[in-house]
N, C-alpha and C. Protein backbone atom coordinates (compact mmCIF):
# COMPACT_ATOMS: atom_id res chain seq x y z
N MET A 1 64.50 -14.04 69.81
CA MET A 1 64.37 -12.76 70.45
C MET A 1 64.24 -11.63 69.38
N HIS A 2 64.82 -11.53 68.15
CA HIS A 2 64.84 -10.61 67.31
C HIS A 2 63.32 -10.49 66.70
N LEU A 3 62.97 -11.86 66.37
CA LEU A 3 61.33 -11.77 65.73
C LEU A 3 60.72 -10.73 66.72
N VAL A 4 61.01 -11.35 68.20
CA VAL A 4 59.99 -10.19 69.42
C VAL A 4 59.99 -8.96 69.23
N ASP A 5 61.11 -8.55 68.85
CA ASP A 5 61.59 -7.21 69.18
C ASP A 5 61.07 -6.57 67.74
N THR A 6 61.12 -7.06 66.78
CA THR A 6 60.51 -6.61 65.62
C THR A 6 58.90 -6.53 65.47
N GLN A 7 58.33 -7.24 66.38
CA GLN A 7 56.85 -7.58 66.23
C GLN A 7 56.84 -6.28 67.06
N ASN A 8 57.43 -6.24 68.13
CA ASN A 8 56.90 -5.05 69.42
C ASN A 8 57.29 -3.68 68.88
N LEU A 9 58.25 -3.35 67.47
CA LEU A 9 58.53 -2.21 67.14
C LEU A 9 57.31 -1.90 66.14
N LEU A 10 56.57 -3.20 65.25
CA LEU A 10 55.65 -3.20 64.71
C LEU A 10 54.47 -2.63 65.11
N ARG A 11 54.26 -3.09 66.18
CA ARG A 11 53.24 -2.73 67.16
C ARG A 11 53.28 -1.20 67.80
N GLU A 12 54.27 -1.04 67.78
CA GLU A 12 54.46 0.53 68.42
C GLU A 12 54.22 1.56 67.23
N GLU A 13 55.04 1.02 65.92
CA GLU A 13 55.08 2.11 64.60
C GLU A 13 53.28 2.18 64.49
N THR A 14 52.68 1.02 64.54
CA THR A 14 51.23 1.16 64.39
C THR A 14 50.32 1.74 65.32
N SER A 15 50.43 1.80 66.53
CA SER A 15 49.62 2.63 67.26
C SER A 15 50.17 4.04 67.47
N VAL A 16 51.60 4.45 67.14
CA VAL A 16 51.76 5.80 66.74
C VAL A 16 51.44 6.34 65.49
N ALA A 17 51.05 5.17 64.47
CA ALA A 17 50.55 6.10 63.00
C ALA A 17 48.88 5.97 63.17
N SER A 18 48.12 5.20 63.88
CA SER A 18 46.78 5.27 64.24
C SER A 18 46.64 6.54 65.19
N PHE A 19 47.48 6.81 66.17
CA PHE A 19 46.92 7.96 66.80
C PHE A 19 47.00 8.96 66.00
N MET A 20 48.30 9.27 64.98
CA MET A 20 48.23 9.84 64.08
C MET A 20 46.93 10.38 63.11
N ALA A 21 46.69 9.50 62.60
CA ALA A 21 45.64 9.24 61.80
C ALA A 21 44.10 10.20 62.38
N GLY A 22 44.23 9.55 63.78
CA GLY A 22 43.04 9.95 64.38
C GLY A 22 42.97 11.29 65.11
N PHE A 23 44.44 11.56 65.49
CA PHE A 23 44.56 13.41 65.64
C PHE A 23 44.07 13.99 64.44
N LYS A 24 44.54 13.78 63.55
CA LYS A 24 44.34 14.74 62.38
C LYS A 24 42.91 14.78 61.64
N LEU A 25 42.48 13.65 62.00
CA LEU A 25 40.82 13.66 61.54
C LEU A 25 39.95 14.53 62.40
N ALA A 26 40.48 14.13 63.72
CA ALA A 26 39.55 15.32 64.89
C ALA A 26 40.27 16.79 64.47
N TRP A 27 41.56 17.27 64.15
CA TRP A 27 41.50 18.60 63.95
C TRP A 27 41.19 18.52 62.80
N GLY A 28 41.13 18.44 61.55
CA GLY A 28 40.20 18.72 60.52
C GLY A 28 38.85 18.96 61.00
N ILE A 29 37.89 18.06 61.47
CA ILE A 29 36.89 18.19 61.94
C ILE A 29 36.61 19.85 62.69
N ALA A 30 37.47 19.81 63.56
CA ALA A 30 37.52 21.00 64.47
C ALA A 30 37.63 21.98 63.52
N ARG A 31 38.32 22.10 62.49
CA ARG A 31 38.73 23.26 61.65
C ARG A 31 37.68 23.69 60.77
N GLU A 32 36.81 22.39 60.29
CA GLU A 32 35.75 23.15 59.62
C GLU A 32 34.31 23.54 60.39
N LEU A 33 34.50 22.89 61.58
CA LEU A 33 33.52 23.55 62.44
C LEU A 33 33.68 24.91 62.72
N GLU A 34 35.08 25.17 63.33
CA GLU A 34 35.01 26.42 63.56
C GLU A 34 34.82 27.43 62.43
N THR A 35 35.52 27.13 60.89
CA THR A 35 34.50 27.95 59.67
C THR A 35 33.27 28.20 59.98
N ASP A 36 32.53 27.68 60.50
CA ASP A 36 31.17 27.95 60.38
C ASP A 36 30.48 28.67 61.52
N GLY A 37 31.85 28.86 62.59
CA GLY A 37 31.44 29.44 63.69
C GLY A 37 31.45 28.41 65.17
N LEU A 38 32.02 28.92 66.11
CA LEU A 38 31.80 27.87 67.28
C LEU A 38 30.44 28.08 67.95
N TYR A 39 30.25 26.75 68.25
CA TYR A 39 29.04 26.73 68.86
C TYR A 39 28.72 27.60 70.20
N SER A 40 27.98 28.28 70.49
CA SER A 40 27.48 28.60 71.89
C SER A 40 25.81 28.75 72.61
N PHE A 41 26.02 27.99 73.43
CA PHE A 41 24.58 27.81 74.17
C PHE A 41 24.06 28.75 74.45
N GLU A 42 24.42 29.46 75.20
CA GLU A 42 24.31 31.12 75.44
C GLU A 42 23.52 31.77 74.10
N GLN A 43 24.35 31.77 73.12
CA GLN A 43 23.63 32.03 71.79
C GLN A 43 22.42 31.54 70.88
N GLU A 44 22.49 30.24 71.48
CA GLU A 44 21.29 29.91 70.47
C GLU A 44 20.36 29.64 71.56
N GLU A 45 20.37 29.75 73.10
CA GLU A 45 19.05 30.39 73.85
C GLU A 45 18.77 31.48 73.29
N ALA A 46 19.33 32.55 73.37
CA ALA A 46 18.95 34.26 72.80
C ALA A 46 18.16 34.16 71.69
N GLN A 47 18.68 33.61 70.81
CA GLN A 47 17.86 33.02 69.15
C GLN A 47 16.60 32.70 69.70
N GLN A 48 16.28 31.62 70.49
CA GLN A 48 15.20 30.98 70.70
C GLN A 48 14.41 31.69 71.28
N SER A 49 14.60 32.74 72.12
CA SER A 49 13.91 33.59 73.12
C SER A 49 13.40 34.59 72.04
N GLY A 50 14.30 35.10 71.23
CA GLY A 50 13.98 36.07 70.19
C GLY A 50 13.16 35.21 69.49
N ARG A 51 12.88 34.51 69.19
CA ARG A 51 12.08 33.85 68.08
C ARG A 51 10.45 33.72 68.92
N GLN A 52 10.67 33.26 70.04
CA GLN A 52 9.43 33.13 70.84
C GLN A 52 8.76 34.56 70.97
N TYR A 53 9.93 35.28 70.95
CA TYR A 53 9.47 36.94 71.16
C TYR A 53 8.36 37.37 70.31
N GLU A 54 9.17 37.03 69.03
CA GLU A 54 8.75 37.32 67.61
C GLU A 54 6.95 36.77 67.48
N LEU A 55 7.23 35.50 68.11
CA LEU A 55 5.90 34.34 67.49
C LEU A 55 4.78 34.98 68.56
N GLU A 56 5.16 35.37 69.89
CA GLU A 56 4.05 35.97 70.64
C GLU A 56 3.75 37.52 70.26
N GLY A 57 4.55 38.06 69.71
CA GLY A 57 3.86 39.44 69.45
C GLY A 57 3.12 39.29 68.18
N GLU A 58 3.42 38.66 67.15
CA GLU A 58 2.51 38.26 65.99
C GLU A 58 1.19 37.66 66.60
N GLY A 59 0.91 36.87 67.57
CA GLY A 59 -0.46 36.18 68.01
C GLY A 59 -1.22 37.37 68.65
């Protein structure tokens, strides 16, 4: 019974460690993306519309 309890404890510790590693990775990626500015669909659409307007004005 002691062996089964030890195995369960190790599985639990491994699961927690895996979750924490994934969370830290996701948090780091989010922070890096945030330094470049958060993505905005509306802003991208406005920029594309502005470029299209400029191209039409040149032609």
